[in-house]
Amino acid sequence: MTAAVHHLAIEQVPIGELRPDPANPRRISDGELESLTRSMRQFGLIDPIIARREDKVVIGGHQRLVAARKLGFKTVPVIFVDLSLEQARLLNLALNKISGSGA
């Protein structure tokens, strides 16, 4: 099987345009959120959020988005992908498993 190669562009997007996916299975504890917020306060948001281009629903980076809002970020780096809703949900599950927080 051959993996697809995508040329991904990072865009700065107004934070209010992004919508969290209510079906996102990952939850974060208050302590983890505080740790992430401290890290982002010190280093910024260096890992882009992944979202569907069609509706700007977040696929990966829900916790970073929460921390960015908490810190008052006006824009965040986003990689938009053109995926169906089903593909986006599968990618969300894969990203959560990769990060060690699978559902």
PDB file of N, CA and C in Angstrom:
ATOM      1  N   MET A   1       0.852  -1.171   0.000  1.00  0.00           N
ATOM      2  CA  MET A   1       0.000   0.000   0.000  1.00  0.00           C
ATOM      3  C   MET A   1       0.899   1.235   0.000  1.00  0.00           C
ATOM      4  N   THR A   2       0.530   2.219  -0.796  1.00  0.00           N
ATOM      5  CA  THR A   2       1.296   3.450  -0.908  1.00  0.00           C
ATOM      6  C   THR A   2       0.564   4.569  -0.183  1.00  0.00           C
ATOM      7  N   ALA A   3       1.280   5.277   0.652  1.00  0.00           N
ATOM      8  CA  ALA A   3       0.688   6.404   1.384  1.00  0.00           C
ATOM      9  C   ALA A   3       0.586   7.608   0.458  1.00  0.00           C
ATOM     10  N   ALA A   4      -0.473   8.363   0.623  1.00  0.00           N
ATOM     11  CA  ALA A   4      -0.655   9.582  -0.162  1.00  0.00           C
ATOM     12  C   ALA A   4       0.258  10.672   0.376  1.00  0.00           C
ATOM     13  N   VAL A   5       0.788  11.467  -0.524  1.00  0.00           N
ATOM     14  CA  VAL A   5       1.619  12.600  -0.136  1.00  0.00           C
ATOM     15  C   VAL A   5       0.801  13.864  -0.378  1.00  0.00           C
ATOM     16  N   HIS A   6       0.660  14.649   0.669  1.00  0.00           N
ATOM     17  CA  HIS A   6      -0.109  15.883   0.559  1.00  0.00           C
ATOM     18  C   HIS A   6       0.819  17.065   0.799  1.00  0.00           C
ATOM     19  N   HIS A   7       0.601  18.120   0.055  1.00  0.00           N
ATOM     20  CA  HIS A   7       1.339  19.358   0.273  1.00  0.00           C
ATOM     21  C   HIS A   7       0.462  20.223   1.170  1.00  0.00           C
ATOM     22  N   LEU A   8       0.878  20.364   2.400  1.00  0.00           N
ATOM     23  CA  LEU A   8       0.063  21.031   3.402  1.00  0.00           C
ATOM     24  C   LEU A   8       0.572  22.443   3.650  1.00  0.00           C
ATOM     25  N   ALA A   9      -0.356  23.359   3.702  1.00  0.00           N
ATOM     26  CA  ALA A   9      -0.019  24.756   3.973  1.00  0.00           C
ATOM     27  C   ALA A   9      -0.592  25.146   5.327  1.00  0.00           C
ATOM     28  N   ILE A  10       0.193  25.884   6.078  1.00  0.00           N
ATOM     29  CA  ILE A  10      -0.262  26.382   7.376  1.00  0.00           C
ATOM     30  C   ILE A  10      -0.794  27.795   7.176  1.00  0.00           C
ATOM     31  N   GLU A  11      -2.016  28.018   7.654  1.00  0.00           N
ATOM     32  CA  GLU A  11      -2.651  29.331   7.548  1.00  0.00           C
ATOM     33  C   GLU A  11      -2.923  29.866   8.947  1.00  0.00           C
ATOM     34  N   GLN A  12      -2.784  31.167   9.128  1.00  0.00           N
ATOM     35  CA  GLN A  12      -3.197  31.808  10.378  1.00  0.00           C
ATOM     36  C   GLN A  12      -4.690  32.124  10.256  1.00  0.00           C
ATOM     37  N   VAL A  13      -5.478  31.580  11.174  1.00  0.00           N
ATOM     38  CA  VAL A  13      -6.937  31.680  11.089  1.00  0.00           C
ATOM     39  C   VAL A  13      -7.468  32.332  12.363  1.00  0.00           C
ATOM     40  N   PRO A  14      -8.419  33.256  12.235  1.00  0.00           N
ATOM     41  CA  PRO A  14      -9.048  33.810  13.442  1.00  0.00           C
ATOM     42  C   PRO A  14      -9.643  32.681  14.288  1.00  0.00           C
ATOM     43  N   ILE A  15      -9.324  32.690  15.557  1.00  0.00           N
ATOM     44  CA  ILE A  15      -9.695  31.590  16.445  1.00  0.00           C
ATOM     45  C   ILE A  15     -11.205  31.356  16.492  1.00  0.00           C
ATOM     46  N   GLY A  16     -11.989  32.405  16.343  1.00  0.00           N
ATOM     47  CA  GLY A  16     -13.434  32.277  16.397  1.00  0.00           C
ATOM     48  C   GLY A  16     -14.046  31.558  15.211  1.00  0.00           C
ATOM     49  N   GLU A  17     -13.273  31.375  14.137  1.00  0.00           N
ATOM     50  CA  GLU A  17     -13.792  30.684  12.958  1.00  0.00           C
ATOM     51  C   GLU A  17     -13.770  29.167  13.105  1.00  0.00           C
ATOM     52  N   LEU A  18     -12.981  28.656  14.055  1.00  0.00           N
ATOM     53  CA  LEU A  18     -12.847  27.207  14.222  1.00  0.00           C
ATOM     54  C   LEU A  18     -13.922  26.661  15.151  1.00  0.00           C
ATOM     55  N   ARG A  19     -14.395  25.465  14.812  1.00  0.00           N
ATOM     56  CA  ARG A  19     -15.453  24.830  15.602  1.00  0.00           C
ATOM     57  C   ARG A  19     -14.959  23.491  16.131  1.00  0.00           C
ATOM     58  N   PRO A  20     -15.020  23.274  17.441  1.00  0.00           N
ATOM     59  CA  PRO A  20     -14.655  21.968  17.976  1.00  0.00           C
ATOM     60  C   PRO A  20     -15.650  20.911  17.500  1.00  0.00           C
ATOM     61  N   ASP A  21     -15.180  19.704  17.329  1.00  0.00           N
ATOM     62  CA  ASP A  21     -16.053  18.594  16.939  1.00  0.00           C
ATOM     63  C   ASP A  21     -16.700  18.031  18.198  1.00  0.00           C
ATOM     64  N   PRO A  22     -18.024  18.106  18.328  1.00  0.00           N
ATOM     65  CA  PRO A  22     -18.674  17.586  19.533  1.00  0.00           C
ATOM     66  C   PRO A  22     -18.487  16.077  19.694  1.00  0.00           C
ATOM     67  N   ALA A  23     -18.120  15.384  18.614  1.00  0.00           N
ATOM     68  CA  ALA A  23     -17.902  13.936  18.688  1.00  0.00           C
ATOM     69  C   ALA A  23     -16.461  13.583  19.060  1.00  0.00           C
ATOM     70  N   ASN A  24     -15.617  14.585  19.307  1.00  0.00           N
ATOM     71  CA  ASN A  24     -14.226  14.305  19.674  1.00  0.00           C
ATOM     72  C   ASN A  24     -14.193  13.459  20.940  1.00  0.00           C
ATOM     73  N   PRO A  25     -13.571  12.276  20.881  1.00  0.00           N
ATOM     74  CA  PRO A  25     -13.592  11.384  22.040  1.00  0.00           C
ATOM     75  C   PRO A  25     -12.601  11.756  23.139  1.00  0.00           C
ATOM     76  N   ARG A  26     -11.636  12.596  22.831  1.00  0.00           N
ATOM     77  CA  ARG A  26     -10.573  12.880  23.797  1.00  0.00           C
ATOM     78  C   ARG A  26     -11.006  13.943  24.794  1.00  0.00           C
ATOM     79  N   ARG A  27     -10.715  13.685  26.041  1.00  0.00           N
ATOM     80  CA  ARG A  27     -10.967  14.644  27.121  1.00  0.00           C
ATOM     81  C   ARG A  27      -9.631  14.960  27.779  1.00  0.00           C
ATOM     82  N   ILE A  28      -9.546  16.124  28.384  1.00  0.00           N
ATOM     83  CA  ILE A  28      -8.304  16.544  29.028  1.00  0.00           C
ATOM     84  C   ILE A  28      -8.620  16.943  30.463  1.00  0.00           C
ATOM     85  N   SER A  29      -7.736  16.562  31.365  1.00  0.00           N
ATOM     86  CA  SER A  29      -7.932  16.919  32.771  1.00  0.00           C
ATOM     87  C   SER A  29      -7.548  18.381  32.977  1.00  0.00           C
ATOM     88  N   ASP A  30      -8.003  18.946  34.085  1.00  0.00           N
ATOM     89  CA  ASP A  30      -7.643  20.331  34.407  1.00  0.00           C
ATOM     90  C   ASP A  30      -6.130  20.486  34.510  1.00  0.00           C
ATOM     91  N   GLY A  31      -5.464  19.496  35.107  1.00  0.00           N
ATOM     92  CA  GLY A  31      -4.011  19.551  35.252  1.00  0.00           C
ATOM     93  C   GLY A  31      -3.291  19.516  33.913  1.00  0.00           C
ATOM     94  N   GLU A  32      -3.766  18.659  33.005  1.00  0.00           N
ATOM     95  CA  GLU A  32      -3.164  18.584  31.671  1.00  0.00           C
ATOM     96  C   GLU A  32      -3.385  19.886  30.899  1.00  0.00           C
ATOM     97  N   LEU A  33      -4.583  20.454  31.038  1.00  0.00           N
ATOM     98  CA  LEU A  33      -4.869  21.718  30.358  1.00  0.00           C
ATOM     99  C   LEU A  33      -3.980  22.830  30.900  1.00  0.00           C
ATOM    100  N   GLU A  34      -3.782  22.864  32.204  1.00  0.00           N
ATOM    101  CA  GLU A  34      -2.920  23.886  32.806  1.00  0.00           C
ATOM    102  C   GLU A  34      -1.484  23.731  32.321  1.00  0.00           C
ATOM    103  N   SER A  35      -1.008  22.488  32.229  1.00  0.00           N
ATOM    104  CA  SER A  35       0.344  22.230  31.739  1.00  0.00           C
ATOM    105  C   SER A  35       0.491  22.665  30.277  1.00  0.00           C
ATOM    106  N   LEU A  36      -0.498  22.338  29.454  1.00  0.00           N
ATOM    107  CA  LEU A  36      -0.481  22.742  28.054  1.00  0.00           C
ATOM    108  C   LEU A  36      -0.523  24.262  27.927  1.00  0.00           C
ATOM    109  N   THR A  37      -1.342  24.900  28.742  1.00  0.00           N
ATOM    110  CA  THR A  37      -1.454  26.362  28.718  1.00  0.00           C
ATOM    111  C   THR A  37      -0.126  27.010  29.099  1.00  0.00           C
ATOM    112  N   ARG A  38       0.538  26.484  30.129  1.00  0.00           N
ATOM    113  CA  ARG A  38       1.860  27.011  30.526  1.00  0.00           C
ATOM    114  C   ARG A  38       2.858  26.881  29.383  1.00  0.00           C
ATOM    115  N   SER A  39       2.859  25.718  28.744  1.00  0.00           N
ATOM    116  CA  SER A  39       3.780  25.482  27.638  1.00  0.00           C
ATOM    117  C   SER A  39       3.517  26.450  26.487  1.00  0.00           C
ATOM    118  N   MET A  40       2.239  26.639  26.161  1.00  0.00           N
ATOM    119  CA  MET A  40       1.904  27.545  25.060  1.00  0.00           C
ATOM    120  C   MET A  40       2.179  28.996  25.421  1.00  0.00           C
ATOM    121  N   ARG A  41       2.059  29.347  26.687  1.00  0.00           N
ATOM    122  CA  ARG A  41       2.393  30.708  27.121  1.00  0.00           C
ATOM    123  C   ARG A  41       3.886  30.947  26.906  1.00  0.00           C
ATOM    124  N   GLN A  42       4.695  29.938  27.178  1.00  0.00           N
ATOM    125  CA  GLN A  42       6.147  30.081  27.060  1.00  0.00           C
ATOM    126  C   GLN A  42       6.632  29.984  25.612  1.00  0.00           C
ATOM    127  N   PHE A  43       6.098  29.019  24.860  1.00  0.00           N
ATOM    128  CA  PHE A  43       6.639  28.731  23.531  1.00  0.00           C
ATOM    129  C   PHE A  43       5.715  29.106  22.372  1.00  0.00           C
ATOM    130  N   GLY A  44       4.465  29.442  22.670  1.00  0.00           N
ATOM    131  CA  GLY A  44       3.499  29.705  21.607  1.00  0.00           C
ATOM    132  C   GLY A  44       2.891  28.403  21.106  1.00  0.00           C
ATOM    133  N   LEU A  45       2.089  28.514  20.093  1.00  0.00           N
ATOM    134  CA  LEU A  45       1.447  27.343  19.491  1.00  0.00           C
ATOM    135  C   LEU A  45       2.260  26.958  18.269  1.00  0.00           C
ATOM    136  N   ILE A  46       3.099  25.937  18.422  1.00  0.00           N
ATOM    137  CA  ILE A  46       4.011  25.560  17.341  1.00  0.00           C
ATOM    138  C   ILE A  46       3.536  24.327  16.576  1.00  0.00           C
ATOM    139  N   ASP A  47       2.480  23.686  17.054  1.00  0.00           N
ATOM    140  CA  ASP A  47       1.919  22.503  16.401  1.00  0.00           C
ATOM    141  C   ASP A  47       0.551  22.894  15.844  1.00  0.00           C
ATOM    142  N   PRO A  48       0.427  23.046  14.532  1.00  0.00           N
ATOM    143  CA  PRO A  48      -0.827  23.557  13.965  1.00  0.00           C
ATOM    144  C   PRO A  48      -2.037  22.680  14.280  1.00  0.00           C
ATOM    145  N   ILE A  49      -3.177  23.307  14.308  1.00  0.00           N
ATOM    146  CA  ILE A  49      -4.457  22.627  14.443  1.00  0.00           C
ATOM    147  C   ILE A  49      -4.836  22.104  13.062  1.00  0.00           C
ATOM    148  N   ILE A  50      -5.485  20.954  13.020  1.00  0.00           N
ATOM    149  CA  ILE A  50      -5.956  20.383  11.760  1.00  0.00           C
ATOM    150  C   ILE A  50      -7.473  20.508  11.734  1.00  0.00           C
ATOM    151  N   ALA A  51      -8.005  21.038  10.633  1.00  0.00           N
ATOM    152  CA  ALA A  51      -9.454  21.239  10.532  1.00  0.00           C
ATOM    153  C   ALA A  51      -9.930  20.954   9.115  1.00  0.00           C
ATOM    154  N   ARG A  52     -11.202  20.606   9.021  1.00  0.00           N
ATOM    155  CA  ARG A  52     -11.830  20.424   7.705  1.00  0.00           C
ATOM    156  C   ARG A  52     -12.027  21.791   7.063  1.00  0.00           C
ATOM    157  N   ARG A  53     -11.630  21.906   5.821  1.00  0.00           N
ATOM    158  CA  ARG A  53     -11.774  23.176   5.102  1.00  0.00           C
ATOM    159  C   ARG A  53     -13.248  23.541   4.929  1.00  0.00           C
ATOM    160  N   GLU A  54     -14.084  22.546   4.649  1.00  0.00           N
ATOM    161  CA  GLU A  54     -15.493  22.780   4.320  1.00  0.00           C
ATOM    162  C   GLU A  54     -16.257  23.511   5.420  1.00  0.00           C
ATOM    163  N   ASP A  55     -16.060  23.082   6.673  1.00  0.00           N
ATOM    164  CA  ASP A  55     -16.862  23.649   7.768  1.00  0.00           C
ATOM    165  C   ASP A  55     -16.033  24.160   8.941  1.00  0.00           C
ATOM    166  N   LYS A  56     -14.693  24.069   8.806  1.00  0.00           N
ATOM    167  CA  LYS A  56     -13.759  24.543   9.833  1.00  0.00           C
ATOM    168  C   LYS A  56     -13.934  23.825  11.172  1.00  0.00           C
ATOM    169  N   VAL A  57     -14.384  22.565  11.103  1.00  0.00           N
ATOM    170  CA  VAL A  57     -14.487  21.739  12.305  1.00  0.00           C
ATOM    171  C   VAL A  57     -13.115  21.135  12.580  1.00  0.00           C
ATOM    172  N   VAL A  58     -12.683  21.221  13.830  1.00  0.00           N
ATOM    173  CA  VAL A  58     -11.363  20.741  14.235  1.00  0.00           C
ATOM    174  C   VAL A  58     -11.324  19.213  14.196  1.00  0.00           C
ATOM    175  N   ILE A  59     -10.258  18.682  13.609  1.00  0.00           N
ATOM    176  CA  ILE A  59     -10.014  17.240  13.577  1.00  0.00           C
ATOM    177  C   ILE A  59      -8.942  16.893  14.601  1.00  0.00           C
ATOM    178  N   GLY A  60      -7.891  17.673  14.648  1.00  0.00           N
ATOM    179  CA  GLY A  60      -6.798  17.458  15.588  1.00  0.00           C
ATOM    180  C   GLY A  60      -6.379  18.775  16.204  1.00  0.00           C
ATOM    181  N   GLY A  61      -6.225  18.790  17.526  1.00  0.00           N
ATOM    182  CA  GLY A  61      -5.794  20.012  18.199  1.00  0.00           C
ATOM    183  C   GLY A  61      -6.861  20.652  19.058  1.00  0.00           C
ATOM    184  N   HIS A  62      -7.867  19.878  19.444  1.00  0.00           N
ATOM    185  CA  HIS A  62      -8.936  20.422  20.286  1.00  0.00           C
ATOM    186  C   HIS A  62      -8.391  21.028  21.583  1.00  0.00           C
ATOM    187  N   GLN A  63      -7.455  20.338  22.220  1.00  0.00           N
ATOM    188  CA  GLN A  63      -6.933  20.811  23.509  1.00  0.00           C
ATOM    189  C   GLN A  63      -6.089  22.072  23.314  1.00  0.00           C
ATOM    190  N   ARG A  64      -5.316  22.105  22.224  1.00  0.00           N
ATOM    191  CA  ARG A  64      -4.529  23.308  21.924  1.00  0.00           C
ATOM    192  C   ARG A  64      -5.446  24.493  21.650  1.00  0.00           C
ATOM    193  N   LEU A  65      -6.575  24.229  21.002  1.00  0.00           N
ATOM    194  CA  LEU A  65      -7.537  25.296  20.732  1.00  0.00           C
ATOM    195  C   LEU A  65      -8.120  25.844  22.033  1.00  0.00           C
ATOM    196  N   VAL A  66      -8.451  24.959  22.971  1.00  0.00           N
ATOM    197  CA  VAL A  66      -8.965  25.398  24.279  1.00  0.00           C
ATOM    198  C   VAL A  66      -7.922  26.264  24.987  1.00  0.00           C
ATOM    199  N   ALA A  67      -6.666  25.800  24.992  1.00  0.00           N
ATOM    200  CA  ALA A  67      -5.596  26.559  25.652  1.00  0.00           C
ATOM    201  C   ALA A  67      -5.368  27.902  24.956  1.00  0.00           C
ATOM    202  N   ALA A  68      -5.413  27.920  23.631  1.00  0.00           N
ATOM    203  CA  ALA A  68      -5.219  29.171  22.888  1.00  0.00           C
ATOM    204  C   ALA A  68      -6.320  30.174  23.226  1.00  0.00           C
ATOM    205  N   ARG A  69      -7.540  29.687  23.345  1.00  0.00           N
ATOM    206  CA  ARG A  69      -8.643  30.583  23.736  1.00  0.00           C
ATOM    207  C   ARG A  69      -8.421  31.111  25.147  1.00  0.00           C
ATOM    208  N   LYS A  70      -7.991  30.228  26.033  1.00  0.00           N
ATOM    209  CA  LYS A  70      -7.731  30.622  27.423  1.00  0.00           C
ATOM    210  C   LYS A  70      -6.656  31.707  27.490  1.00  0.00           C
ATOM    211  N   LEU A  71      -5.676  31.615  26.600  1.00  0.00           N
ATOM    212  CA  LEU A  71      -4.574  32.579  26.575  1.00  0.00           C
ATOM    213  C   LEU A  71      -4.912  33.845  25.786  1.00  0.00           C
ATOM    214  N   GLY A  72      -6.073  33.878  25.167  1.00  0.00           N
ATOM    215  CA  GLY A  72      -6.483  35.073  24.436  1.00  0.00           C
ATOM    216  C   GLY A  72      -5.894  35.209  23.046  1.00  0.00           C
ATOM    217  N   PHE A  73      -5.444  34.095  22.449  1.00  0.00           N
ATOM    218  CA  PHE A  73      -4.917  34.161  21.089  1.00  0.00           C
ATOM    219  C   PHE A  73      -6.011  34.662  20.154  1.00  0.00           C
ATOM    220  N   LYS A  74      -5.658  35.513  19.236  1.00  0.00           N
ATOM    221  CA  LYS A  74      -6.606  36.015  18.229  1.00  0.00           C
ATOM    222  C   LYS A  74      -6.627  35.114  16.998  1.00  0.00           C
ATOM    223  N   THR A  75      -5.455  34.587  16.629  1.00  0.00           N
ATOM    224  CA  THR A  75      -5.345  33.664  15.498  1.00  0.00           C
ATOM    225  C   THR A  75      -4.536  32.448  15.932  1.00  0.00           C
ATOM    226  N   VAL A  76      -4.696  31.354  15.197  1.00  0.00           N
ATOM    227  CA  VAL A  76      -3.930  30.136  15.452  1.00  0.00           C
ATOM    228  C   VAL A  76      -3.504  29.537  14.111  1.00  0.00           C
ATOM    229  N   PRO A  77      -2.381  28.799  14.096  1.00  0.00           N
ATOM    230  CA  PRO A  77      -1.966  28.146  12.857  1.00  0.00           C
ATOM    231  C   PRO A  77      -2.849  26.922  12.593  1.00  0.00           C
ATOM    232  N   VAL A  78      -3.321  26.816  11.358  1.00  0.00           N
ATOM    233  CA  VAL A  78      -4.230  25.726  10.991  1.00  0.00           C
ATOM    234  C   VAL A  78      -3.788  25.108   9.670  1.00  0.00           C
ATOM    235  N   ILE A  79      -3.868  23.787   9.608  1.00  0.00           N
ATOM    236  CA  ILE A  79      -3.735  23.061   8.350  1.00  0.00           C
ATOM    237  C   ILE A  79      -5.136  22.595   7.984  1.00  0.00           C
ATOM    238  N   PHE A  80      -5.644  23.085   6.856  1.00  0.00           N
ATOM    239  CA  PHE A  80      -6.959  22.655   6.391  1.00  0.00           C
ATOM    240  C   PHE A  80      -6.812  21.439   5.491  1.00  0.00           C
ATOM    241  N   VAL A  81      -7.725  20.482   5.661  1.00  0.00           N
ATOM    242  CA  VAL A  81      -7.747  19.283   4.829  1.00  0.00           C
ATOM    243  C   VAL A  81      -9.135  19.137   4.215  1.00  0.00           C
ATOM    244  N   ASP A  82      -9.163  18.529   3.059  1.00  0.00           N
ATOM    245  CA  ASP A  82     -10.423  18.274   2.363  1.00  0.00           C
ATOM    246  C   ASP A  82     -10.790  16.809   2.569  1.00  0.00           C
ATOM    247  N   LEU A  83     -11.535  16.547   3.628  1.00  0.00           N
ATOM    248  CA  LEU A  83     -11.938  15.188   3.983  1.00  0.00           C
ATOM    249  C   LEU A  83     -13.441  15.137   4.199  1.00  0.00           C
ATOM    250  N   SER A  84     -14.007  13.965   3.934  1.00  0.00           N
ATOM    251  CA  SER A  84     -15.417  13.759   4.273  1.00  0.00           C
ATOM    252  C   SER A  84     -15.532  13.708   5.795  1.00  0.00           C
ATOM    253  N   LEU A  85     -16.741  13.802   6.282  1.00  0.00           N
ATOM    254  CA  LEU A  85     -16.972  13.712   7.723  1.00  0.00           C
ATOM    255  C   LEU A  85     -16.464  12.381   8.267  1.00  0.00           C
ATOM    256  N   GLU A  86     -16.717  11.295   7.539  1.00  0.00           N
ATOM    257  CA  GLU A  86     -16.253   9.973   7.974  1.00  0.00           C
ATOM    258  C   GLU A  86     -14.729   9.905   7.999  1.00  0.00           C
ATOM    259  N   GLN A  87     -14.078  10.416   6.963  1.00  0.00           N
ATOM    260  CA  GLN A  87     -12.614  10.426   6.930  1.00  0.00           C
ATOM    261  C   GLN A  87     -12.053  11.271   8.071  1.00  0.00           C
ATOM    262  N   ALA A  88     -12.693  12.400   8.343  1.00  0.00           N
ATOM    263  CA  ALA A  88     -12.236  13.278   9.423  1.00  0.00           C
ATOM    264  C   ALA A  88     -12.331  12.571  10.770  1.00  0.00           C
ATOM    265  N   ARG A  89     -13.399  11.842  10.999  1.00  0.00           N
ATOM    266  CA  ARG A  89     -13.553  11.115  12.269  1.00  0.00           C
ATOM    267  C   ARG A  89     -12.489  10.029  12.402  1.00  0.00           C
ATOM    268  N   LEU A  90     -12.195   9.338  11.301  1.00  0.00           N
ATOM    269  CA  LEU A  90     -11.151   8.316  11.338  1.00  0.00           C
ATOM    270  C   LEU A  90      -9.787   8.942  11.614  1.00  0.00           C
ATOM    271  N   LEU A  91      -9.506  10.076  10.998  1.00  0.00           N
ATOM    272  CA  LEU A  91      -8.240  10.767  11.253  1.00  0.00           C
ATOM    273  C   LEU A  91      -8.170  11.225  12.701  1.00  0.00           C
ATOM    274  N   ASN A  92      -9.272  11.741  13.240  1.00  0.00           N
ATOM    275  CA  ASN A  92      -9.309  12.161  14.641  1.00  0.00           C
ATOM    276  C   ASN A  92      -8.951  10.994  15.557  1.00  0.00           C
ATOM    277  N   LEU A  93      -9.550   9.839  15.318  1.00  0.00           N
ATOM    278  CA  LEU A  93      -9.248   8.659  16.140  1.00  0.00           C
ATOM    279  C   LEU A  93      -7.786   8.261  16.002  1.00  0.00           C
ATOM    280  N   ALA A  94      -7.263   8.288  14.778  1.00  0.00           N
ATOM    281  CA  ALA A  94      -5.860   7.932  14.556  1.00  0.00           C
ATOM    282  C   ALA A  94      -4.927   8.902  15.272  1.00  0.00           C
ATOM    283  N   LEU A  95      -5.210  10.195  15.188  1.00  0.00           N
ATOM    284  CA  LEU A  95      -4.365  11.186  15.862  1.00  0.00           C
ATOM    285  C   LEU A  95      -4.403  11.003  17.372  1.00  0.00           C
ATOM    286  N   ASN A  96      -5.561  10.688  17.924  1.00  0.00           N
ATOM    287  CA  ASN A  96      -5.663  10.467  19.363  1.00  0.00           C
ATOM    288  C   ASN A  96      -4.894   9.227  19.783  1.00  0.00           C
ATOM    289  N   LYS A  97      -4.917   8.175  18.981  1.00  0.00           N
ATOM    290  CA  LYS A  97      -4.158   6.968  19.306  1.00  0.00           C
ATOM    291  C   LYS A  97      -2.658   7.238  19.228  1.00  0.00           C
ATOM    292  N   ILE A  98      -2.244   8.008  18.215  1.00  0.00           N
ATOM    293  CA  ILE A  98      -0.828   8.345  18.064  1.00  0.00           C
ATOM    294  C   ILE A  98      -0.332   9.126  19.272  1.00  0.00           C
ATOM    295  N   SER A  99      -1.165  10.027  19.785  1.00  0.00           N
ATOM    296  CA  SER A  99      -0.748  10.845  20.930  1.00  0.00           C
ATOM    297  C   SER A  99      -0.844  10.080  22.243  1.00  0.00           C
ATOM    298  N   GLY A 100      -1.322   8.833  22.177  1.00  0.00           N
ATOM    299  CA  GLY A 100      -1.403   8.028  23.389  1.00  0.00           C
ATOM    300  C   GLY A 100      -2.666   8.231  24.177  1.00  0.00           C
ATOM    301  N   SER A 101      -3.645   8.886  23.578  1.00  0.00           N
ATOM    302  CA  SER A 101      -4.882   9.163  24.299  1.00  0.00           C
ATOM    303  C   SER A 101      -6.077   8.652  23.525  1.00  0.00           C
ATOM    304  N   GLY A 102      -5.952   7.485  22.937  1.00  0.00           N
ATOM    305  CA  GLY A 102      -7.034   6.931  22.134  1.00  0.00           C
ATOM    306  C   GLY A 102      -8.267   6.646  22.949  1.00  0.00           C
ATOM    307  N   ALA A 103      -9.390   6.664  22.261  1.00  0.00           N
ATOM    308  CA  ALA A 103     -10.676   6.431  22.930  1.00  0.00           C
ATOM    309  C   ALA A 103     -10.858   4.967  23.233  1.00  0.00           C
TER     310      ALA A 103
END
